[in-house]
Protein backbone atom coordinates (compact mmCIF):
# COMPACT_ATOMS: atom_id res chain seq x y z
CA MET A 1 0.07 -0.05 0.15
CA THR A 2 1.36 3.52 -0.82
CA ASP A 3 0.84 6.57 0.74
CA SER A 4 0.28 9.64 -0.75
CA THR A 5 1.51 12.05 2.30
CA PRO A 6 5.07 12.63 2.59
CA ARG A 7 6.78 11.31 5.60
CA SER A 8 7.08 14.94 7.36
CA THR A 9 3.51 15.35 7.29
CA ARG A 10 2.63 12.41 9.58
CA VAL A 11 5.45 13.17 12.00
CA VAL A 12 3.18 16.27 12.47
CA THR A 13 0.38 15.42 12.87
CA LEU A 14 1.40 12.41 15.53
CA LEU A 15 3.01 15.34 17.69
CA CYS A 16 -0.13 17.57 17.46
CA ILE A 17 -2.18 14.65 18.71
CA ALA A 18 0.55 13.81 21.54
CA GLY A 19 0.44 17.75 22.65
CA LEU A 20 -3.17 17.86 22.94
CA ALA A 21 -3.29 14.47 24.81
CA VAL A 22 -0.59 15.89 27.41
CA ALA A 23 -2.44 19.42 27.56
CA GLY A 24 -5.50 17.08 28.20
CA VAL A 25 -3.49 15.04 31.15
CA ALA A 26 -2.42 18.28 32.56
CA LEU A 27 -5.95 19.96 32.51
CA GLY A 28 -7.57 16.77 34.13
CA TYR A 29 -4.83 16.84 36.83
CA CYS A 30 -5.48 20.86 37.85
CA ILE A 31 -9.17 20.08 38.22
CA HIS A 32 -8.63 17.23 40.21
CA LEU A 33 -6.27 18.90 42.19
CA GLY A 34 -9.15 21.88 42.41
CA ALA A 35 -11.59 19.90 43.63
CA GLU A 36 -9.20 17.93 46.69
CA ARG A 37 -8.36 21.75 47.85
CA SER A 38 -9.33 22.53 51.09
CA ASP A 39 -10.70 25.98 51.32
CA GLN A 40 -11.30 26.58 55.60
CA GLY A 41 -8.03 28.55 56.00
CA GLN A 42 -9.18 30.94 53.61
CA ALA A 43 -11.53 34.36 53.98
CA SER A 44 -14.89 33.73 52.07
CA THR A 45 -17.63 36.03 51.43
CA GLN A 46 -20.72 35.26 52.78
CA ILE A 47 -24.36 36.70 52.36
CA LYS A 48 -26.58 37.50 55.44
CA TYR A 49 -29.72 37.61 54.91
CA VAL A 50 -31.71 39.50 57.30
CA THR A 51 -35.52 39.82 58.22
CA PRO A 52 -36.70 43.18 59.74
CA SER A 53 -38.81 42.40 62.85
CA GLU A 54 -41.26 45.09 61.46
CA PRO A 55 -41.92 45.99 57.93
CA PRO A 56 -40.49 48.77 56.33
CA ASN A 57 -42.38 52.09 55.90
CA GLN A 58 -43.07 54.39 52.72
CA ALA A 59 -39.53 55.76 52.98
CA GLY A 60 -38.02 52.54 53.48
CA VAL A 61 -37.25 53.30 57.19
CA LEU A 62 -38.46 50.86 59.79
CA ALA A 63 -41.92 51.98 61.11
CA GLY A 64 -40.73 51.92 64.97
CA GLU A 65 -37.67 54.67 64.36
CA THR A 66 -38.79 58.30 65.06
CA THR A 67 -38.06 60.87 61.91
CA THR A 68 -38.41 64.38 62.16
CA GLU A 69 -38.57 64.94 58.14
CA GLU A 70 -41.99 64.70 56.39
CA ILE A 71 -42.33 62.09 54.09
CA PRO A 72 -44.01 63.45 51.05
CA GLU A 73 -46.62 61.35 49.10
CA ALA A 74 -45.36 62.30 46.11
CA LEU A 75 -43.11 64.45 44.23
CA SER A 76 -44.61 67.48 42.45
CA THR A 77 -41.60 67.73 39.92
CA GLU A 78 -42.19 65.94 36.93
CA ARG A 79 -38.70 66.38 35.04
CA SER A 80 -35.90 68.80 34.46
CA LYS A 81 -33.82 69.58 31.48
CA VAL A 82 -30.88 71.57 30.46
CA VAL A 83 -30.87 73.91 27.70
CA LEU A 84 -28.13 75.99 25.73
CA CYS A 85 -29.74 78.69 24.38
CA THR A 86 -29.58 82.95 23.58
CA ILE A 87 -31.49 85.55 25.59
CA ASP A 88 -34.01 87.23 23.69
CA LYS A 89 -36.22 88.66 26.91
CA ILE A 90 -35.33 88.73 30.53
CA SER A 91 -37.33 90.56 33.45
CA SER A 92 -37.37 89.47 37.24
CA ASP A 93 -39.90 86.59 37.05
CA SER A 94 -39.41 85.49 33.09
CA LEU A 95 -37.07 84.52 30.44
CA ASP A 96 -37.76 84.47 26.91
CA VAL A 97 -34.71 82.13 25.35
CA HIS A 98 -34.36 80.79 21.35
CA THR A 99 -31.83 77.86 20.75
CA ALA A 100 -29.45 77.06 17.92
CA ASP A 101 -32.25 75.41 16.09
CA GLY A 102 -34.89 78.06 16.04
CA ARG A 103 -37.03 76.91 18.88
CA LYS A 104 -38.03 79.74 21.49
CA GLN A 105 -39.18 78.79 25.09
CA HIS A 106 -40.53 80.76 27.96
CA PHE A 107 -39.68 80.28 31.41
CA ILE A 108 -40.58 81.41 34.54
CA LEU A 109 -37.96 82.71 37.19
CA SER A 110 -38.65 82.56 40.88
CA PRO A 111 -36.88 84.05 44.13
CA ASP A 112 -34.65 81.03 44.09
CA THR A 113 -33.48 80.98 41.00
CA HIS A 114 -29.64 81.11 40.71
CA VAL A 115 -27.13 82.90 38.37
CA GLN A 116 -23.82 81.68 37.99
CA SER A 117 -21.42 84.08 36.07
CA THR A 118 -18.10 85.67 35.92
CA GLU A 119 -19.54 89.05 36.53
CA GLY A 120 -21.67 88.02 39.59
CA SER A 121 -24.63 86.34 40.78
CA SER A 122 -27.85 88.55 39.79
CA LEU A 123 -30.05 88.61 37.01
CA SER A 124 -28.75 91.92 36.37
CA VAL A 125 -25.82 90.84 34.61
CA LEU A 126 -27.58 89.01 32.20
CA ASP A 127 -28.47 91.18 29.10
CA VAL A 128 -30.40 90.39 25.84
CA GLY A 129 -28.15 87.93 23.13
CA ASP A 130 -26.16 86.31 25.94
CA LEU A 131 -25.98 82.57 25.51
CA VAL A 132 -26.41 80.84 28.74
CA VAL A 133 -26.79 77.10 29.99
CA VAL A 134 -30.31 77.00 31.94
CA ARG A 135 -31.53 74.38 34.22
CA VAL A 136 -35.63 74.06 33.77
CA VAL A 137 -37.68 72.21 36.61
CA LYS A 138 -41.20 71.42 35.51
CA VAL A 139 -43.48 71.78 38.42
CA ASP A 140 -47.37 71.14 38.12
CA GLY A 141 -47.02 72.14 34.41
CA THR A 142 -44.83 75.36 34.80
CA MET A 143 -41.19 75.29 33.41
CA ILE A 144 -39.32 77.29 36.21
CA ALA A 145 -35.50 78.00 35.77
CA ASP A 146 -33.90 76.77 38.61
CA LEU A 147 -30.07 77.72 37.27
CA ILE A 148 -29.11 80.21 34.81
CA VAL A 149 -25.04 79.53 33.79
CA ASP A 150 -23.49 82.42 31.63
CA GLY A 151 -21.98 80.92 28.90
CA ARG A 152 -19.43 83.98 28.25
CA VAL A 153 -15.76 82.61 28.87
CA SER A 154 -13.93 85.38 30.02
CA GLY A 155 -10.52 84.27 31.94
CA SER A 156 -7.43 86.16 31.40
CA ILE A 157 -5.22 85.44 28.73
CA PRO A 158 -1.96 84.79 29.55
CA GLU A 159 0.58 86.95 27.04
CA ASN A 160 3.83 85.38 26.64
């Protein structure tokens, strides 16, 4: 019987099979050693489930504990968003702006509205045409601006 495969190909194939057999035996031995090893001397993480003696109340605090905080039934804030816009009109109680895509927005200003600018923290530092970032909170259907950040960058430029 004549073989058409050269002798070197048969040798390489046999060596590959022998290598796979040795690797399989070594893997089996490692698995065997891992199964016999004792973990008594090593630290282990255990999860301990604790059941409270009383069911938690609405805020997740045990009912037996006293708290001075009033727990609201539901929050009146529906959502908030941040808008990058340009001021069209500003007064002490409202802010009209437009965004880069042309949408116009009307926001209510409250006494709690904060202004952050390098020139000060009052509404008087803002002018029509200023680029601002406004954080708006929708409360009971009304859009209230609670933070206005002046978008002008006015840092000193070092002279080299």
